[in-house]
Every structure is written in C-alpha cells, then in structure tokens.
Amino acid sequence: MKKNILIADEMHLSIHTMLTEIGMTYDYIPEITRAELLEKLKDYDGLIIRSKTKVDIEMLDTAPELKFIARAGAGLDLIDIAEAERRGIIIFAANEGNRDAVGEHVIGMLLCLFNHINTADIEVRHKIWKREANRGIELMGMTVGIIGYGNMGSSVAKRLSGFGVKVLAYDKYKSNFSDQYAQEATLEELFEQVDVLSLHVPLTSETKMMVDTDFINSFHKPFFLVNTARGEVASVCNIVEALNSGQLRGACLDVLENEKMSQLSAEQESYYEALFQKKNVILTPHIGGWTHESYVKINEVLIDKIKKAHPQH
C-alpha cells in the first residue's frame, strides 16, 4: 500500500497519533541514509525532515509525486526553496512551534551574561565567594535592537516588555509592523541607538556572514550581540576581534558558523579557542528552540498545516 508521507528524521512520538488522526499514512524511518532516501522518495506525496536532510535538485529529481516538504523547525536553508516551488511543491516550516522557546532562551542568556551567573556558579562551587567581581548590570533602560521581526523576533520583543527597555526592530521585508512590543526602525537607527542586538534572520545568500567587522563597527557605541538564528550569519573570527577591541561588550551565541566540533579547520580551532576563553560570552549548543514543549508544539504546527493543505484527509 502506498503511504502518503516519509518521515526522514527523528520526531517526537506524538507525530504518529497526530498523522493517524488526520487520515495520513506514513513510514517513520529516522535512521534513513541519503542514498536510501534518493531511492525511496519517489513513492511518497510528502516528506517530513528536521535538520539532517538536504533537499536539493538531485533529491527533488527522484520525487515526481512529492507535493509537500514539512520542516520540523524554523530554518529552511537545507531546502532548495526556489526549485521546490518551481515544481509546485509546498513547503511548511514550524516556526510557531519553537518561537516561545527561542524568546525565553534569549532572555535567559542575557540575564546569565549580565549577572555573571555562569562564572559565579562555578566559583561558588569551588568555595570562591566574590561579590564585587560578579556585580551585574541591568537590562532596564537599555535599547534592544532586533533584526528580523517574524515569529522569533516578535517573541523576543514580547518577553522583553517587562524589563523596561526600548525595543527597535528592523526587517528588510516588512513595513508598518510596529506593535505594543517593538518600534519599527531603520538599520541606521539600530546602529545609532542599540545596547543589545538580537539576530532573528534566516540563513540566505544575503545574510551569510552578515555580521562581519564592517557591520559590527557600524554601531555607534559598544554593544552586546545575541545570535540564536544561524551560525553562518555571523563571523566567529570577527566576533572575537570585536570582543578584543571592546566594540562588543559581550556575546550570547546559541549557534556557531561550524557546529561540527570534530571537523573544525585549523583556523577555526584557533579563533574558537579564543572565543571559549572569554568570560563575557555565553555559549549553548543550538538549543534555543529545543525544549520538551517545543518538541511537541512543532508536530502540532506541522500537522495543522498539512491538514489545511490536504483537507480531503
């Protein structure tokens, strides 16, 4: 019997019940290799992926029946969107599913950095009691800039609303989006005013290595950088240089340009090591949207979108 959907990555097990309830048949093969996927995909109407599967022209050529690709997450940089759309394939993402997690993670990283929570915790565990050296700073009164005002950017702005900050948001592809949480601004206004910059843009040819030395030096005063978007949006080497110069007061990085720690180039090894020595840097392993709750919410969002696109089921 022909199945509707191939699930090619690990998903929260609630996906099984949800798909059955909307009348979809599926094969769940999270351990599938690329070679196997190229062989099998011709038999399916839909493909559900997470982060290991690159959907390029080679793969699309093997799937003449494919009607949709569902990405269990936010970023679509692994999918050749233009080619898929040219073939009439619908693409779903689950940005709504992990936006709450990302919003909370940004706040958590900032509060940890500003209050030295990571270093102070280690010191106290070693019976080192330094109050003055761990004196913190407050978000209150700062101007926070957000680049990209979609699901993630707006979620961060909403969570900042109780901290007494001014939030400026820039989005190249939107206009008239000011709301109770953020004021629409130009990039130049962000350069002039921000104390904290949070990135929420997809990885595209336009945004790749967007945050480089020239970009960082465009800011009129030293600032804190937060990146929970994609690592390749920001140059780690240039971030280290800016931390050394003082143009960056600190950084919260949930993503890095190369996240395969066993496959760093010699050059990357050098500036990663320099980054890892910085006490004014908070690092997490791409977990901004990776909560127990978002794991289920992502399924709910995808199933809702699949159901709406295929009401006959």
Protein backbone atom coordinates (compact mmCIF):
# COMPACT_ATOMS: atom_id res chain seq x y z
CA MET A 1 0.00 0.00 0.00
CA LYS A 2 1.32 3.41 -0.96
CA LYS A 3 2.00 5.66 2.01
CA ASN A 4 1.40 9.42 1.96
CA ILE A 5 4.43 10.60 3.93
CA LEU A 6 8.03 9.63 4.60
CA ILE A 7 9.40 10.89 7.93
CA ALA A 8 13.17 11.01 7.43
CA ASP A 9 14.28 12.33 10.81
CA GLU A 10 13.64 11.78 14.49
CA MET A 11 10.41 13.34 15.70
CA HIS A 12 8.52 13.47 18.97
CA LEU A 13 6.44 10.30 19.02
CA SER A 14 3.20 12.29 19.16
CA ILE A 15 3.59 12.66 15.38
CA HIS A 16 2.25 9.10 14.95
CA THR A 17 -1.10 9.75 16.60
CA MET A 18 -1.47 13.18 15.00
CA LEU A 19 -0.93 11.88 11.47
CA THR A 20 -3.29 8.96 12.01
CA GLU A 21 -6.00 11.29 13.31
CA ILE A 22 -5.97 13.34 10.09
CA GLY A 23 -6.07 10.19 7.95
CA MET A 24 -2.46 10.23 6.74
CA THR A 25 -0.42 7.08 6.24
CA TYR A 26 3.31 7.27 6.73
CA ASP A 27 6.61 5.50 7.10
CA TYR A 28 8.80 6.57 10.01
CA ILE A 29 12.44 5.94 9.09
CA PRO A 30 14.52 8.41 11.13
CA GLU A 31 17.75 6.49 10.53
CA ILE A 32 17.40 6.59 6.73
CA THR A 33 20.53 7.47 4.76
CA ARG A 34 20.64 9.91 1.89
CA ALA A 35 21.22 7.09 -0.59
CA GLU A 36 18.17 5.24 0.72
CA LEU A 37 16.10 8.41 0.63
CA LEU A 38 17.03 9.03 -3.01
CA GLU A 39 15.80 5.53 -3.77
CA LYS A 40 12.56 5.61 -1.75
CA LEU A 41 11.24 9.15 -2.10
CA LYS A 42 9.62 8.51 -5.48
CA ASP A 43 6.83 6.67 -3.71
CA TYR A 44 5.67 9.49 -1.43
CA ASP A 45 3.47 12.60 -1.57
CA GLY A 46 5.07 14.25 1.46
CA LEU A 47 8.42 14.42 3.23
CA ILE A 48 8.98 15.43 6.85
CA ILE A 49 12.54 16.38 7.83
CA ARG A 50 14.33 18.04 10.72
CA SER A 51 17.96 19.11 10.30
CA LYS A 52 19.97 16.27 8.76
CA THR A 53 18.33 16.10 5.32
CA LYS A 54 19.40 18.37 2.47
CA VAL A 55 16.65 18.64 -0.13
CA ASP A 56 18.41 19.73 -3.33
CA ILE A 57 17.76 19.28 -7.04
CA GLU A 58 19.23 15.79 -7.00
CA MET A 59 16.72 14.72 -4.38
CA LEU A 60 13.78 16.52 -5.96
CA ASP A 61 14.53 14.80 -9.27
CA THR A 62 13.81 11.45 -7.62
CA ALA A 63 10.42 12.56 -6.28
CA PRO A 64 7.96 13.33 -9.09
CA GLU A 65 4.97 12.70 -6.82
CA LEU A 66 6.14 14.97 -3.99
CA LYS A 67 3.53 17.55 -3.05
CA PHE A 68 4.94 18.98 0.19
CA ILE A 69 8.01 19.16 2.40
CA ALA A 70 7.47 19.77 6.11
CA ARG A 71 10.43 21.05 8.13
CA ALA A 72 10.21 20.29 11.86
CA GLY A 73 11.78 23.57 12.89
CA ALA A 74 12.23 27.09 11.61
CA GLY A 75 15.16 27.29 9.20
CA LEU A 76 14.68 26.34 5.56
CA ASP A 77 18.31 26.71 4.46
CA LEU A 78 18.61 22.96 3.79
CA ILE A 79 15.86 23.12 1.17
CA ASP A 80 16.23 24.45 -2.37
CA ILE A 81 13.12 26.58 -1.98
CA ALA A 82 13.12 28.08 -5.47
CA GLU A 83 13.39 24.69 -7.16
CA ALA A 84 10.74 23.14 -4.93
CA GLU A 85 8.32 25.98 -5.62
CA ARG A 86 9.03 25.77 -9.36
CA ARG A 87 7.85 22.18 -9.18
CA GLY A 88 4.72 23.16 -7.27
CA ILE A 89 5.88 21.60 -4.01
CA ILE A 90 4.52 23.30 -0.90
CA ILE A 91 7.00 23.94 1.92
CA PHE A 92 5.89 24.07 5.55
CA ALA A 93 8.02 25.20 8.47
CA ALA A 94 7.13 25.10 12.15
CA ASN A 95 8.38 28.50 13.28
CA GLU A 96 5.36 28.94 15.51
CA GLY A 97 6.27 25.75 17.35
CA ASN A 98 9.53 26.91 18.89
CA ARG A 99 9.18 30.70 18.99
CA ASP A 100 8.29 30.68 22.70
CA ALA A 101 11.36 28.59 23.46
CA VAL A 102 13.62 30.94 21.49
CA GLY A 103 12.15 34.01 23.19
CA GLU A 104 12.81 32.58 26.63
CA HIS A 105 16.29 31.38 25.68
CA VAL A 106 17.35 34.86 24.56
CA ILE A 107 16.23 36.36 27.86
CA GLY A 108 17.93 33.57 29.80
CA MET A 109 21.24 34.06 28.00
CA LEU A 110 21.20 37.82 28.51
CA LEU A 111 20.39 37.57 32.22
CA CYS A 112 23.09 34.95 32.66
CA LEU A 113 25.66 37.14 30.90
CA PHE A 114 24.70 40.38 32.64
CA ASN A 115 24.73 38.82 36.11
CA HIS A 116 27.78 36.55 35.69
CA ILE A 117 25.61 33.58 36.62
CA ASN A 118 27.69 31.06 34.70
CA THR A 119 31.06 32.08 36.16
CA ALA A 120 29.73 32.87 39.64
CA ASP A 121 28.14 29.42 39.87
CA ILE A 122 31.47 27.74 39.11
CA GLU A 123 33.29 29.95 41.63
CA VAL A 124 30.88 29.26 44.47
CA ARG A 125 31.12 25.52 43.81
CA HIS A 126 34.86 25.94 44.36
CA LYS A 127 34.20 27.90 47.59
CA ILE A 128 35.23 31.17 45.95
CA TRP A 129 32.99 33.98 47.20
CA LYS A 130 33.47 37.13 45.05
CA ARG A 131 30.63 39.62 45.28
CA GLU A 132 32.23 42.71 43.81
CA ALA A 133 33.84 40.88 40.90
CA ASN A 134 30.41 39.50 39.99
CA ARG A 135 28.48 42.76 40.25
CA GLY A 136 25.95 42.69 37.41
CA ILE A 137 24.34 45.17 35.03
CA GLU A 138 20.65 45.66 34.34
CA LEU A 139 18.62 45.44 31.17
CA MET A 140 16.43 48.25 32.49
CA GLY A 141 16.91 51.41 30.44
CA MET A 142 18.76 49.75 27.56
CA THR A 143 17.78 49.88 23.89
CA VAL A 144 17.47 46.43 22.34
CA GLY A 145 17.63 46.06 18.57
CA ILE A 146 16.06 43.12 16.78
CA ILE A 147 16.89 42.25 13.18
CA GLY A 148 14.15 40.10 11.69
CA TYR A 149 10.67 40.61 13.10
CA GLY A 150 8.97 37.29 12.39
CA ASN A 151 7.98 34.58 14.83
CA MET A 152 11.25 34.60 16.73
CA GLY A 153 11.95 38.33 16.75
CA SER A 154 8.45 39.20 17.90
CA SER A 155 8.59 36.52 20.59
CA VAL A 156 11.78 38.07 22.00
CA ALA A 157 10.22 41.56 21.90
CA LYS A 158 7.17 40.32 23.77
CA ARG A 159 9.30 38.82 26.53
CA LEU A 160 11.34 41.99 26.85
CA SER A 161 8.21 44.03 27.56
CA GLY A 162 8.52 43.65 31.32
CA PHE A 163 12.15 44.75 31.54
CA GLY A 164 11.81 48.49 30.98
CA VAL A 165 13.74 48.51 27.72
CA LYS A 166 13.20 50.26 24.41
CA VAL A 167 12.87 47.75 21.57
CA LEU A 168 13.69 48.74 17.99
CA ALA A 169 13.04 46.22 15.20
CA TYR A 170 14.34 46.18 11.65
CA ASP A 171 13.03 43.84 8.98
CA LYS A 172 14.05 44.35 5.37
CA TYR A 173 10.98 42.55 4.08
CA LYS A 174 8.29 44.09 6.27
CA SER A 175 6.86 47.54 6.84
CA ASN A 176 4.31 49.11 9.20
CA PHE A 177 4.81 46.34 11.75
CA SER A 178 5.25 48.41 14.91
CA ASP A 179 3.24 46.96 17.79
CA GLN A 180 2.99 47.25 21.57
CA TYR A 181 6.30 45.40 21.96
CA ALA A 182 8.60 46.94 19.34
CA GLN A 183 9.01 50.07 17.28
CA GLU A 184 9.85 49.69 13.60
CA ALA A 185 13.23 51.21 12.82
CA THR A 186 15.81 51.52 10.07
CA LEU A 187 19.12 49.72 10.23
CA GLU A 188 20.80 53.11 10.68
CA GLU A 189 18.64 53.78 13.76
CA LEU A 190 19.78 50.47 15.19
CA PHE A 191 23.40 51.41 14.51
CA GLU A 192 22.90 54.69 16.37
CA GLN A 193 20.97 53.55 19.42
CA VAL A 194 21.24 49.90 20.45
CA ASP A 195 22.93 48.47 23.51
CA VAL A 196 21.89 44.89 22.70
CA LEU A 197 21.40 43.38 19.23
CA SER A 198 19.47 40.13 18.73
CA LEU A 199 19.54 38.36 15.35
CA HIS A 200 16.47 36.56 14.00
CA VAL A 201 17.08 36.19 10.27
CA PRO A 202 17.13 33.05 8.11
CA LEU A 203 20.36 31.92 6.51
CA THR A 204 20.35 33.06 2.88
CA SER A 205 22.97 34.23 0.40
CA GLU A 206 22.11 37.73 1.59
CA THR A 207 22.55 37.10 5.31
CA LYS A 208 25.53 34.74 5.20
CA MET A 209 28.35 36.35 7.22
CA MET A 210 26.24 39.50 7.51
CA VAL A 211 27.78 40.20 10.91
CA ASP A 212 31.39 40.96 9.99
CA THR A 213 33.86 43.63 11.06
CA ASP A 214 32.27 46.37 8.95
CA PHE A 215 28.81 45.57 10.31
CA ILE A 216 29.99 45.47 13.93
CA ASN A 217 31.90 48.73 13.57
CA SER A 218 28.81 50.46 12.17
CA PHE A 219 27.38 50.63 15.69
CA HIS A 220 27.96 53.98 17.35
CA LYS A 221 28.65 52.51 20.77
CA PRO A 222 29.84 49.17 22.14
CA PHE A 223 27.00 46.64 22.32
CA PHE A 224 26.07 43.07 23.25
CA LEU A 225 25.36 40.58 20.46
CA VAL A 226 22.85 37.72 20.66
CA ASN A 227 22.62 35.10 17.92
CA THR A 228 20.02 32.34 18.14
CA ALA A 229 19.38 32.32 14.38
CA ARG A 230 22.03 30.59 12.27
CA GLY A 231 25.75 30.41 12.97
CA GLU A 232 26.78 31.31 9.44
CA VAL A 233 25.07 34.68 9.80
CA ALA A 234 27.96 35.89 11.98
CA SER A 235 31.73 35.52 11.62
CA VAL A 236 33.18 33.99 14.78
CA CYS A 237 36.61 35.37 13.89
CA ASN A 238 35.22 38.91 13.62
CA ILE A 239 33.24 38.48 16.84
CA VAL A 240 36.44 37.55 18.67
CA GLU A 241 38.22 40.58 17.20
CA ALA A 242 35.37 42.85 18.30
CA LEU A 243 35.39 41.35 21.80
CA ASN A 244 39.12 42.04 21.96
CA SER A 245 38.71 45.64 20.78
CA GLY A 246 35.79 46.32 23.13
CA GLN A 247 33.33 47.12 20.32
CA LEU A 248 31.43 44.07 21.53
CA ARG A 249 30.77 44.20 25.27
CA GLY A 250 29.78 40.57 25.25
CA ALA A 251 28.03 37.91 23.22
CA CYS A 252 25.35 35.25 23.65
CA LEU A 253 25.80 32.62 20.95
CA ASP A 254 23.48 29.65 20.62
CA VAL A 255 24.81 28.94 17.13
CA LEU A 256 28.26 28.94 15.54
CA GLU A 257 29.39 29.06 11.92
CA ASN A 258 30.66 25.48 12.19
CA GLU A 259 28.84 23.39 14.78
CA LYS A 260 30.65 20.14 13.97
CA MET A 261 33.27 20.44 16.68
CA SER A 262 35.23 17.45 15.42
CA GLN A 263 35.52 18.98 11.95
CA LEU A 264 36.93 22.44 12.66
CA SER A 265 39.62 23.76 10.34
CA ALA A 266 42.93 24.80 11.88
CA GLU A 267 41.87 28.44 11.53
CA GLN A 268 38.53 27.78 13.20
CA GLU A 269 40.25 25.88 16.01
CA SER A 270 42.32 28.98 16.69
CA TYR A 271 39.54 31.54 16.95
CA TYR A 272 37.07 29.14 18.57
CA GLU A 273 39.61 28.57 21.35
CA ALA A 274 39.95 32.33 21.75
CA LEU A 275 36.16 32.64 21.94
CA PHE A 276 35.88 29.85 24.51
CA GLN A 277 38.29 31.69 26.83
CA LYS A 278 36.07 34.78 27.03
CA LYS A 279 34.17 35.21 30.29
CA ASN A 280 31.86 37.76 28.64
CA VAL A 281 30.50 35.14 26.25
CA ILE A 282 27.64 32.70 26.87
CA LEU A 283 27.57 29.62 24.62
CA THR A 284 24.88 27.00 24.15
CA PRO A 285 24.71 24.12 21.60
CA HIS A 286 21.92 25.29 19.25
CA ILE A 287 19.19 24.68 21.84
CA GLY A 288 17.34 28.00 21.60
CA GLY A 289 14.20 26.34 20.30
CA TRP A 290 14.95 22.92 21.75
CA THR A 291 12.61 22.42 24.71
CA HIS A 292 10.45 19.48 25.69
CA GLU A 293 7.39 21.63 24.99
CA SER A 294 8.54 22.85 21.56
CA TYR A 295 9.26 19.25 20.52
CA VAL A 296 5.51 18.59 20.71
CA LYS A 297 4.38 22.05 19.53
CA ILE A 298 6.38 21.65 16.31
CA ASN A 299 4.39 18.50 15.50
CA GLU A 300 1.11 20.29 16.22
CA VAL A 301 2.03 23.16 13.90
CA LEU A 302 3.11 20.87 11.05
CA ILE A 303 0.04 18.65 11.31
CA ASP A 304 -2.24 21.69 11.26
CA LYS A 305 -0.55 22.98 8.10
CA ILE A 306 -0.64 19.59 6.39
CA LYS A 307 -4.32 19.18 7.25
CA LYS A 308 -5.21 22.61 5.86
CA ALA A 309 -3.31 21.92 2.63
CA HIS A 310 -4.95 18.49 2.23
CA PRO A 311 -8.49 18.88 3.57
CA GLN A 312 -9.61 15.70 1.82
CA HIS A 313 -7.77 13.77 4.52
